[in-house]
Amino acid sequence: MIARASRPSRARLAGLALGLAVVAVFAAANAHLIAVSFASQPDCVLSPTQEGAAFRAAKPAC
């Protein structure tokens, strides 16, 4: 009887590749959200501590 070499099967490699792709897409989406949050315009929201202020856009361009 000839012993098979202990190589991962194609199905296992495909599963591993799919798992790595899912993790990569998840990490890229989170990196994009972090980049957008730092690039956003923080001066577009009025401070709620001011009298009569409401949460709304401060400038029409926002």
Protein backbone atom coordinates (compact mmCIF):
# COMPACT_ATOMS: atom_id res chain seq x y z
CA MET A 1 0.00 0.00 0.00
CA ILE A 2 1.39 3.38 -1.01
CA ALA A 3 0.99 6.17 1.54
CA ARG A 4 -0.33 9.44 0.20
CA ALA A 5 1.66 12.55 0.85
CA SER A 6 0.03 14.72 3.48
CA ARG A 7 -1.04 17.57 1.20
CA PRO A 8 -4.11 19.68 1.74
CA SER A 9 -6.91 18.84 -0.64
CA ARG A 10 -8.26 21.32 -3.18
CA ALA A 11 -11.44 21.77 -1.16
CA ARG A 12 -9.47 22.65 1.96
CA LEU A 13 -7.30 25.11 0.02
CA ALA A 14 -10.40 26.69 -1.53
CA GLY A 15 -11.98 27.04 1.91
CA LEU A 16 -8.85 28.60 3.30
CA ALA A 17 -8.64 31.03 0.37
CA LEU A 18 -12.30 31.97 0.78
CA GLY A 19 -11.83 32.53 4.51
CA LEU A 20 -8.80 34.74 3.92
CA ALA A 21 -10.74 36.70 1.28
CA VAL A 22 -13.60 37.32 3.72
CA VAL A 23 -11.18 38.51 6.40
CA ALA A 24 -9.42 40.78 3.89
CA VAL A 25 -12.71 42.36 2.75
CA PHE A 26 -13.79 42.87 6.38
CA ALA A 27 -10.46 44.52 7.26
CA ALA A 28 -10.56 46.73 4.15
CA ALA A 29 -14.12 47.87 4.92
CA ASN A 30 -13.17 48.78 8.48
CA ALA A 31 -10.06 50.62 7.30
CA HIS A 32 -12.23 52.57 4.86
CA LEU A 33 -14.66 53.53 7.65
CA ILE A 34 -11.79 54.73 9.84
CA ALA A 35 -10.29 56.75 6.98
CA VAL A 36 -13.66 58.37 6.21
CA SER A 37 -14.22 59.22 9.87
CA PHE A 38 -10.91 61.07 10.05
CA ALA A 39 -11.54 62.85 6.75
CA SER A 40 -15.06 63.99 7.69
CA GLN A 41 -15.93 67.59 8.53
CA PRO A 42 -16.30 67.79 12.33
CA ASP A 43 -17.34 71.45 12.19
CA CYS A 44 -20.65 70.52 10.52
CA VAL A 45 -22.39 69.73 13.82
CA LEU A 46 -23.33 72.41 16.32
CA SER A 47 -22.44 71.91 19.95
CA PRO A 48 -25.46 70.76 21.99
CA THR A 49 -24.21 72.83 24.95
CA GLN A 50 -25.07 76.09 23.20
CA GLU A 51 -28.46 77.51 24.11
CA GLY A 52 -31.06 76.70 21.47
CA ALA A 53 -28.67 74.56 19.45
CA ALA A 54 -29.92 71.42 17.78
CA PHE A 55 -28.07 68.63 16.02
CA ARG A 56 -28.09 69.82 12.41
CA ALA A 57 -25.69 70.79 9.66
CA ALA A 58 -23.93 74.08 10.39
CA LYS A 59 -23.20 74.80 6.74
CA PRO A 60 -25.32 74.11 3.65
CA ALA A 61 -22.31 72.36 2.07
CA CYS A 62 -22.37 69.61 4.70
